[in-house]
């Protein structure tokens, strides 16, 4: 039996190379005799492999399904997927991965949001490069708090409608950021040549322009859905607090 250490993760390693991955379902881990709920299962959504002489890292994004989503259930599932991944072979520089990172998602939309909306993640990369560090598991408590809750309808706005409006709010904010970056963004060469006071002025203008575009987008949403601006802002806060998915187009 392996002992797994469960603590919070301070940082994570971002992988740079990508390999295509076919959907792969992980068999459910063994449940205890006293367990009334079926164990969680997982399907691989994405895989990234990073290989250099010093280390071989595998990063998995998995979709969870099956039983009740709890800390214990997620821990069991992640440890099971981790054990299987550590046994993989066929890499260029190492017999098996030196490091494994696993990100678990409740829905495909959370994964596609590309905004770190995992419900749990496992990593073993806290040690020196090329060494397998202690296994760490971190949880998103805000998402865990939403598991099993019933949709909450508000006057004139179902939860599904608010989720749709939230996606449009986020899309408007993203668009505002892109436009502001295009208008005021500086290249690395320009940044090096720009005096600090001038650079601060450019950043201030960029932020102000981005905020004005974002506010206009929210005002337009309020008109389109016949809402007050206050209601739009409340939906924005609710979506952020409840970690709603915001899938990219």
Protein backbone atom coordinates (compact mmCIF):
# COMPACT_ATOMS: atom_id res chain seq x y z
CA UNK A 1 0.00 0.00 0.00
CA UNK A 2 1.23 3.49 -0.81
CA UNK A 3 0.77 6.35 1.62
CA UNK A 4 -0.38 9.54 -0.03
CA UNK A 5 0.32 12.96 1.45
CA UNK A 6 -2.55 15.42 1.00
CA UNK A 7 -1.56 19.07 1.34
CA UNK A 8 -2.17 22.30 -0.56
CA UNK A 9 -0.19 23.02 -3.70
CA UNK A 10 1.60 26.35 -3.78
CA UNK A 11 2.56 26.31 -7.47
CA UNK A 12 2.43 24.17 -10.56
CA UNK A 13 4.56 23.47 -13.62
CA UNK A 14 3.21 24.53 -17.00
CA UNK A 15 3.99 22.07 -19.75
CA UNK A 16 5.13 23.33 -23.10
CA UNK A 17 4.62 20.50 -25.56
CA UNK A 18 1.46 18.69 -26.51
CA UNK A 19 0.71 15.19 -27.69
CA UNK A 20 -2.62 14.05 -29.05
CA UNK A 21 -4.58 11.86 -26.69
CA UNK A 22 -7.50 9.58 -27.44
CA UNK A 23 -10.31 9.53 -24.87
CA UNK A 24 -9.43 6.98 -22.22
CA UNK A 25 -11.59 5.91 -19.34
CA UNK A 26 -9.92 4.97 -16.07
CA UNK A 27 -11.43 1.91 -14.35
CA UNK A 28 -13.04 2.81 -11.03
CA UNK A 29 -10.83 2.32 -7.98
CA UNK A 30 -11.84 -0.29 -5.44
CA UNK A 31 -14.54 0.97 -3.11
CA UNK A 32 -14.67 0.09 0.52
CA UNK A 33 -17.26 -2.49 1.70
CA UNK A 34 -19.06 0.21 3.67
CA UNK A 35 -19.34 2.61 0.74
CA UNK A 36 -22.93 3.18 -0.41
CA UNK A 37 -22.09 5.34 -3.44
CA UNK A 38 -20.33 4.03 -6.55
CA UNK A 39 -16.72 5.17 -6.93
CA UNK A 40 -15.78 8.02 -9.23
CA UNK A 41 -14.44 7.24 -12.68
CA UNK A 42 -12.51 9.42 -15.12
CA UNK A 43 -12.04 10.05 -18.82
CA UNK A 44 -8.89 11.68 -20.17
CA UNK A 45 -9.70 14.98 -21.89
CA UNK A 46 -6.17 16.08 -22.69
CA UNK A 47 -2.57 15.06 -22.18
CA UNK A 48 0.67 17.04 -22.34
CA UNK A 49 4.12 15.46 -22.22
CA UNK A 50 7.32 17.43 -21.56
CA UNK A 51 10.59 15.59 -22.07
CA UNK A 52 14.17 16.73 -21.49
CA UNK A 53 17.18 14.82 -20.19
CA UNK A 54 16.57 16.03 -16.64
CA UNK A 55 12.87 15.17 -16.39
CA UNK A 56 9.84 13.63 -18.07
CA UNK A 57 6.53 15.20 -17.04
CA UNK A 58 3.02 14.07 -17.89
CA UNK A 59 0.08 16.41 -17.35
CA UNK A 60 -3.44 15.04 -17.59
CA UNK A 61 -6.81 16.77 -17.69
CA UNK A 62 -9.55 14.33 -16.68
CA UNK A 63 -13.33 14.48 -16.62
CA UNK A 64 -14.83 12.93 -13.50
CA UNK A 65 -18.10 11.02 -13.43
CA UNK A 66 -19.81 8.30 -11.48
CA UNK A 67 -20.34 8.51 -7.73
CA UNK A 68 -20.62 11.35 -5.28
CA UNK A 69 -18.00 14.06 -5.66
CA UNK A 70 -16.30 14.41 -2.28
CA UNK A 71 -12.78 15.09 -1.07
CA UNK A 72 -12.31 11.42 -0.21
CA UNK A 73 -13.69 10.26 -3.56
CA UNK A 74 -11.52 12.69 -5.49
CA UNK A 75 -8.46 11.71 -3.48
CA UNK A 76 -9.02 8.02 -4.20
CA UNK A 77 -9.57 8.67 -7.91
CA UNK A 78 -6.56 10.96 -8.33
CA UNK A 79 -4.27 8.56 -6.51
CA UNK A 80 -5.49 5.72 -8.72
CA UNK A 81 -4.90 7.70 -11.95
CA UNK A 82 -1.53 8.83 -10.61
CA UNK A 83 -0.44 5.25 -9.89
CA UNK A 84 -1.36 4.16 -13.41
CA UNK A 85 0.40 7.13 -15.00
CA UNK A 86 3.60 6.61 -13.01
CA UNK A 87 3.78 3.07 -14.40
CA UNK A 88 3.70 4.21 -18.03
CA UNK A 89 6.78 3.61 -20.16
CA UNK A 90 8.12 4.32 -23.64
CA UNK A 91 9.55 7.76 -23.00
CA UNK A 92 12.70 9.13 -24.61
CA UNK A 93 14.93 9.82 -21.61
CA UNK A 94 13.33 8.00 -18.68
CA UNK A 95 11.75 4.59 -18.11
CA UNK A 96 8.76 6.20 -16.40
CA UNK A 97 7.57 9.77 -15.80
CA UNK A 98 9.58 11.63 -13.18
CA UNK A 99 6.65 13.94 -12.52
CA UNK A 100 2.88 13.78 -12.97
CA UNK A 101 0.24 16.52 -12.73
CA UNK A 102 -3.47 15.72 -12.89
CA UNK A 103 -6.29 18.26 -13.17
CA UNK A 104 -9.82 16.96 -12.52
CA UNK A 105 -12.85 18.75 -13.99
CA UNK A 106 -16.55 18.41 -13.23
CA UNK A 107 -17.68 19.14 -16.81
CA UNK A 108 -16.18 19.53 -20.26
CA UNK A 109 -17.24 23.18 -20.16
CA UNK A 110 -15.11 23.78 -17.09
CA UNK A 111 -12.16 22.27 -18.93
CA UNK A 112 -12.78 24.24 -22.13
CA UNK A 113 -13.04 27.47 -20.16
CA UNK A 114 -9.23 27.44 -20.02
CA UNK A 115 -9.41 29.39 -16.76
CA UNK A 116 -8.11 26.96 -14.15
CA UNK A 117 -11.60 25.74 -13.26
CA UNK A 118 -10.50 22.31 -12.01
CA UNK A 119 -12.19 20.94 -8.92
CA UNK A 120 -9.07 19.08 -7.75
CA UNK A 121 -5.47 18.71 -8.85
CA UNK A 122 -2.62 16.38 -7.97
CA UNK A 123 1.08 17.11 -8.39
CA UNK A 124 4.43 15.66 -7.39
CA UNK A 125 6.76 18.32 -8.83
CA UNK A 126 7.71 20.26 -5.72
CA UNK A 127 11.16 18.67 -5.44
CA UNK A 128 14.37 19.41 -7.37
CA UNK A 129 14.13 19.07 -11.15
CA UNK A 130 14.03 15.46 -12.24
CA UNK A 131 13.04 14.16 -8.83
CA UNK A 132 9.61 12.96 -7.81
CA UNK A 133 8.46 15.10 -4.92
CA UNK A 134 5.76 14.30 -2.36
CA UNK A 135 2.29 13.86 -3.82
CA UNK A 136 0.09 16.88 -3.13
CA UNK A 137 -3.63 17.31 -3.73
CA UNK A 138 -5.44 20.62 -3.81
CA UNK A 139 -9.20 21.24 -3.96
CA UNK A 140 -11.43 24.06 -5.16
CA UNK A 141 -13.71 24.46 -2.14
CA UNK A 142 -16.08 26.79 -4.02
CA UNK A 143 -16.80 24.10 -6.59
CA UNK A 144 -17.12 21.40 -3.94
CA UNK A 145 -19.72 23.56 -2.21
CA UNK A 146 -21.81 23.55 -5.41
CA UNK A 147 -21.88 19.76 -5.76
CA UNK A 148 -25.39 18.42 -5.27
CA UNK A 149 -27.04 21.83 -4.95
CA UNK A 150 -30.31 22.51 -6.76
CA UNK A 151 -30.55 25.24 -9.43
CA UNK A 152 -31.56 28.56 -7.91
CA UNK A 153 -34.08 30.57 -9.89
CA UNK A 154 -34.52 34.27 -9.31
CA UNK A 155 -37.43 36.50 -10.41
CA UNK A 156 -37.41 36.48 -14.21
CA UNK A 157 -34.03 34.71 -14.37
CA UNK A 158 -33.49 30.99 -14.21
CA UNK A 159 -30.04 29.77 -13.22
CA UNK A 160 -29.43 28.54 -16.78
CA UNK A 161 -30.20 32.00 -18.12
CA UNK A 162 -27.86 33.63 -15.59
CA UNK A 163 -25.12 31.19 -16.58
CA UNK A 164 -25.57 32.17 -20.23
CA UNK A 165 -25.40 35.86 -19.34
CA UNK A 166 -22.28 35.19 -17.26
CA UNK A 167 -20.58 33.63 -20.27
CA UNK A 168 -21.40 36.73 -22.30
CA UNK A 169 -20.06 38.97 -19.54
CA UNK A 170 -16.76 37.08 -19.54
CA UNK A 171 -16.61 37.12 -23.34
CA UNK A 172 -17.10 40.89 -23.27
CA UNK A 173 -14.33 41.31 -20.72
CA UNK A 174 -11.97 39.16 -22.78
CA UNK A 175 -12.74 41.15 -25.91
CA UNK A 176 -12.17 44.42 -24.05
CA UNK A 177 -8.78 43.18 -22.85
CA UNK A 178 -7.75 42.15 -26.39
CA UNK A 179 -8.75 45.46 -27.94
CA UNK A 180 -7.00 47.46 -25.21
CA UNK A 181 -3.86 45.34 -25.65
CA UNK A 182 -3.92 45.95 -29.41
CA UNK A 183 -4.29 49.71 -28.90
CA UNK A 184 -1.79 50.29 -26.09
CA UNK A 185 0.29 47.11 -25.83
CA UNK A 186 4.06 47.48 -26.15
CA UNK A 187 6.54 45.01 -27.57
CA UNK A 188 9.42 43.80 -25.41
CA UNK A 189 11.74 46.10 -27.33
CA UNK A 190 9.44 49.08 -26.75
CA UNK A 191 9.15 48.26 -23.05
CA UNK A 192 12.93 48.27 -22.66
CA UNK A 193 13.15 51.67 -24.37
CA UNK A 194 10.24 53.28 -22.53
CA UNK A 195 11.06 55.37 -19.41
CA UNK A 196 9.33 54.09 -16.23
CA UNK A 197 7.05 57.12 -15.89
CA UNK A 198 5.97 56.88 -19.53
CA UNK A 199 5.43 53.14 -19.20
CA UNK A 200 3.18 53.67 -16.17
CA UNK A 201 1.17 56.22 -18.12
CA UNK A 202 0.65 53.78 -21.01
CA UNK A 203 -0.46 51.02 -18.62
CA UNK A 204 -2.90 53.40 -16.93
CA UNK A 205 -4.43 54.37 -20.29
CA UNK A 206 -4.68 50.73 -21.31
CA UNK A 207 -6.46 49.78 -18.08
CA UNK A 208 -8.85 52.71 -18.31
CA UNK A 209 -9.67 51.93 -21.94
CA UNK A 210 -10.23 48.26 -21.14
CA UNK A 211 -12.54 49.16 -18.25
CA UNK A 212 -14.58 51.52 -20.41
CA UNK A 213 -15.04 48.83 -23.09
CA UNK A 214 -15.99 46.25 -20.47
CA UNK A 215 -18.53 48.61 -18.90
CA UNK A 216 -20.08 49.32 -22.29
CA UNK A 217 -20.36 45.58 -22.95
CA UNK A 218 -22.18 45.08 -19.64
CA UNK A 219 -24.47 48.05 -20.36
CA UNK A 220 -25.34 46.52 -23.73
CA UNK A 221 -26.10 43.18 -22.04
CA UNK A 222 -28.40 44.93 -19.58
CA UNK A 223 -30.36 46.49 -22.45
CA UNK A 224 -30.48 43.25 -24.45
CA UNK A 225 -31.82 41.19 -21.54
CA UNK A 226 -33.92 44.02 -20.07
CA UNK A 227 -31.96 44.04 -16.84
CA UNK A 228 -30.51 46.76 -14.67
CA UNK A 229 -26.76 47.23 -14.62
CA UNK A 230 -26.90 46.19 -10.96
CA UNK A 231 -28.40 42.84 -11.97
CA UNK A 232 -25.65 42.27 -14.55
CA UNK A 233 -22.99 43.01 -11.93
CA UNK A 234 -24.69 40.62 -9.49
CA UNK A 235 -24.62 37.85 -12.11
CA UNK A 236 -20.92 38.53 -12.70
CA UNK A 237 -20.22 38.15 -8.98
CA UNK A 238 -22.41 35.05 -8.68
CA UNK A 239 -20.69 33.31 -11.58
CA UNK A 240 -17.27 34.05 -10.15
CA UNK A 241 -18.26 32.90 -6.66
CA UNK A 242 -19.90 29.69 -7.87
CA UNK A 243 -17.13 28.96 -10.37
CA UNK A 244 -19.49 28.67 -13.32
CA UNK A 245 -18.01 27.44 -16.58
CA UNK A 246 -17.19 30.03 -19.21
CA UNK A 247 -16.39 27.92 -22.26
CA UNK A 248 -14.46 29.64 -25.02
CA UNK A 249 -16.08 29.69 -28.48
